[in-house]
Protein backbone atom coordinates (compact mmCIF):
# COMPACT_ATOMS: atom_id res chain seq x y z
CA UNK A 1 140.73 78.51 147.32
CA UNK A 2 143.32 78.99 144.58
CA UNK A 3 141.47 76.52 142.35
CA UNK A 4 138.24 78.50 142.67
CA UNK A 5 140.07 81.58 141.43
CA UNK A 6 142.06 79.86 138.69
CA UNK A 7 139.11 78.23 136.91
CA UNK A 8 137.25 81.50 136.17
CA UNK A 9 140.51 83.29 135.36
CA UNK A 10 141.41 80.58 132.84
CA UNK A 11 137.92 80.80 131.30
CA UNK A 12 138.26 84.57 130.86
CA UNK A 13 141.70 84.24 129.24
CA UNK A 14 140.41 81.52 126.90
CA UNK A 15 137.39 83.65 125.96
CA UNK A 16 139.52 86.73 125.25
CA UNK A 17 141.94 84.72 123.15
CA UNK A 18 139.09 83.28 121.10
CA UNK A 19 137.51 86.70 120.54
CA UNK A 20 140.70 88.44 119.49
CA UNK A 21 141.64 86.27 116.53
CA UNK A 22 138.54 86.61 114.35
CA UNK A 23 139.51 89.32 111.88
CA UNK A 24 143.12 88.65 111.08
CA UNK A 25 143.89 89.36 107.48
CA UNK A 26 147.52 88.37 107.39
CA UNK A 27 148.62 85.46 105.24
CA UNK A 28 149.92 82.79 107.60
CA UNK A 29 151.04 80.36 104.93
CA UNK A 30 154.38 82.10 104.59
CA UNK A 31 153.83 82.64 100.88
CA UNK A 32 153.69 86.03 99.24
CA UNK A 33 150.19 87.45 99.11
CA UNK A 34 150.95 89.56 96.04
CA UNK A 35 148.61 88.76 93.16
CA UNK A 36 150.08 86.84 90.25
CA UNK A 37 150.63 88.89 87.11
CA UNK A 38 148.23 88.13 84.31
CA UNK A 39 148.06 89.01 80.65
CA UNK A 40 144.37 88.16 80.24
CA UNK A 41 142.73 91.60 80.02
CA UNK A 42 139.19 90.18 79.87
CA UNK A 43 139.74 88.55 83.26
CA UNK A 44 141.00 91.83 84.71
CA UNK A 45 138.02 93.70 83.27
CA UNK A 46 135.63 91.10 84.67
CA UNK A 47 137.23 91.39 88.12
CA UNK A 48 136.95 95.17 88.01
CA UNK A 49 133.28 94.96 87.05
CA UNK A 50 132.43 92.53 89.85
CA UNK A 51 134.39 94.61 92.37
CA UNK A 52 132.23 97.62 91.51
CA UNK A 53 128.99 95.63 91.89
CA UNK A 54 127.65 96.09 95.42
CA UNK A 55 127.88 92.93 97.50
CA UNK A 56 129.63 90.87 94.82
CA UNK A 57 132.11 89.70 97.47
CA UNK A 58 129.38 88.29 99.75
CA UNK A 59 129.42 84.47 99.67
CA UNK A 60 126.21 83.06 98.15
CA UNK A 61 124.89 86.35 96.75
CA UNK A 62 125.07 85.06 93.17
CA UNK A 63 122.48 82.40 94.10
CA UNK A 64 120.02 84.87 95.63
CA UNK A 65 117.23 86.03 93.30
CA UNK A 66 116.16 89.67 93.14
CA UNK A 67 112.93 90.06 95.10
CA UNK A 68 110.25 92.65 95.81
CA UNK A 69 109.35 90.99 99.13
CA UNK A 70 111.41 90.16 102.19
CA UNK A 71 109.80 87.69 104.59
CA UNK A 72 111.63 87.10 107.88
CA UNK A 73 110.95 85.19 111.05
CA UNK A 74 112.78 85.40 114.36
CA UNK A 75 112.77 82.63 116.96
CA UNK A 76 113.66 81.85 120.58
CA UNK A 77 117.17 80.81 119.50
CA UNK A 78 117.87 84.43 118.48
CA UNK A 79 118.09 83.64 114.75
CA UNK A 80 116.52 85.04 111.62
CA UNK A 81 115.38 82.32 109.21
CA UNK A 82 117.12 84.09 106.29
CA UNK A 83 120.12 86.39 106.27
CA UNK A 84 120.70 87.37 102.64
CA UNK A 85 118.46 89.21 100.19
CA UNK A 86 118.82 90.98 96.86
CA UNK A 87 116.57 93.86 95.76
CA UNK A 88 116.47 96.62 93.14
CA UNK A 89 117.43 100.09 94.35
CA UNK A 90 114.60 102.62 94.03
CA UNK A 91 111.86 99.98 94.07
CA UNK A 92 109.25 99.57 96.84
CA UNK A 93 110.00 96.42 98.84
CA UNK A 94 107.48 94.82 101.20
CA UNK A 95 109.18 93.55 104.38
CA UNK A 96 107.27 91.26 106.73
CA UNK A 97 108.70 90.22 110.09
CA UNK A 98 107.12 87.62 112.39
CA UNK A 99 108.29 86.52 115.84
CA UNK A 100 107.64 82.76 115.86
CA UNK A 101 109.05 82.36 119.37
CA UNK A 102 107.12 81.35 122.49
CA UNK A 103 109.12 83.09 125.24
CA UNK A 104 107.60 86.18 126.91
CA UNK A 105 108.12 89.54 125.18
CA UNK A 106 110.20 90.86 128.09
CA UNK A 107 112.74 88.10 127.47
CA UNK A 108 112.63 87.53 123.71
CA UNK A 109 111.22 90.25 121.45
CA UNK A 110 112.45 90.84 117.89
CA UNK A 111 112.48 93.57 115.28
CA UNK A 112 114.24 94.30 111.99
CA UNK A 113 116.31 97.47 111.68
CA UNK A 114 117.81 98.19 108.26
CA UNK A 115 120.94 100.30 108.54
CA UNK A 116 122.38 102.59 105.88
CA UNK A 117 125.63 101.49 104.19
CA UNK A 118 128.69 102.41 106.23
CA UNK A 119 126.92 102.29 109.60
CA UNK A 120 128.97 100.78 112.43
CA UNK A 121 126.75 97.78 113.28
CA UNK A 122 128.60 97.06 116.54
CA UNK A 123 128.22 100.66 117.76
CA UNK A 124 124.56 100.77 116.75
CA UNK A 125 123.75 97.45 118.45
CA UNK A 126 125.57 98.52 121.60
CA UNK A 127 123.73 101.86 121.72
CA UNK A 128 120.40 100.06 121.18
CA UNK A 129 120.69 98.29 124.55
CA UNK A 130 120.02 101.52 126.46
CA UNK A 131 117.22 102.70 124.14
CA UNK A 132 114.34 100.74 125.69
CA UNK A 133 112.05 103.78 125.63
CA UNK A 134 112.24 103.90 121.81
CA UNK A 135 111.97 100.14 121.14
CA UNK A 136 115.77 99.86 121.19
CA UNK A 137 116.28 102.32 118.32
CA UNK A 138 118.95 104.74 119.63
CA UNK A 139 117.71 108.23 118.80
CA UNK A 140 121.25 109.62 118.63
CA UNK A 141 121.84 107.25 115.67
CA UNK A 142 118.43 107.50 113.98
CA UNK A 143 120.05 109.00 110.86
CA UNK A 144 121.77 105.62 110.32
CA UNK A 145 118.40 103.84 109.99
CA UNK A 146 116.75 103.33 106.61
CA UNK A 147 113.66 101.61 108.08
CA UNK A 148 112.55 99.41 110.96
CA UNK A 149 109.67 97.26 112.13
CA UNK A 150 108.05 97.43 115.54
CA UNK A 151 109.47 95.39 118.41
CA UNK A 152 107.47 92.16 118.32
CA UNK A 153 106.53 89.78 121.11
CA UNK A 154 105.74 86.08 120.54
CA UNK A 155 103.32 85.43 117.67
CA UNK A 156 103.27 89.09 116.57
CA UNK A 157 104.14 90.36 113.10
CA UNK A 158 104.69 93.68 111.34
CA UNK A 159 104.84 94.71 107.71
CA UNK A 160 106.53 97.80 106.28
CA UNK A 161 107.35 99.12 102.82
CA UNK A 162 110.91 100.29 102.27
CA UNK A 163 112.73 101.77 99.30
CA UNK A 164 116.51 101.37 99.09
CA UNK A 165 117.62 104.74 97.71
CA UNK A 166 120.81 103.65 95.98
CA UNK A 167 122.80 100.51 95.19
CA UNK A 168 124.77 99.18 98.13
CA UNK A 169 124.94 96.66 100.94
CA UNK A 170 122.50 97.34 103.78
CA UNK A 171 122.97 95.49 107.08
CA UNK A 172 119.88 94.49 109.02
CA UNK A 173 119.80 93.52 112.69
CA UNK A 174 117.50 92.84 115.61
CA UNK A 175 118.11 95.50 118.26
CA UNK A 176 116.61 93.74 121.28
CA UNK A 177 119.44 93.71 123.85
CA UNK A 178 122.12 91.20 122.91
CA UNK A 179 120.42 89.94 119.76
CA UNK A 180 122.38 91.79 117.08
CA UNK A 181 125.38 89.48 117.57
CA UNK A 182 123.43 86.54 116.13
CA UNK A 183 120.43 88.20 114.46
CA UNK A 184 121.90 90.01 111.49
CA UNK A 185 122.02 89.80 107.73
CA UNK A 186 122.56 91.74 104.53
CA UNK A 187 120.35 93.18 101.82
CA UNK A 188 122.11 93.93 98.55
CA UNK A 189 120.45 96.65 96.49
CA UNK A 190 121.49 96.59 92.84
């Protein structure tokens, strides 16, 4: 009987330990994390300019072309086919979402919800679970939403036009229960 209790208890402890170490920012090398002094002012100016450019710290963003169209698909593995886009702020952008999955809509629907910069994605995704009556868009957080598609069952698609009002990094997620953990990405508006 003790073994039946110990196996699940060990699994829970292992899971909690794995989840708690993801966002540590401390330097574990033992070396000082203070930046080295530099006398190259052009390098410092370049760093300041890139730091003020929205999304410049996102890996791979330099390789993403600016686009006027965002085409996304979602599948039965709870994944978007693309997770990084670059657009011009103030320009109309055509967003098309298609659910290419085969599972029934009750088990595996998808949407795209674009959140305003600064929105707590975790809190929004958690609140979306209980918002079935509004296609998992929590009405108490509707002011955090820039735009969204309809909730789509297998084979369905939706197209919307969205304008990003100002430069910044806009998170997008699928709000079907449990999906936002793996179905998320970023749109950088320049």
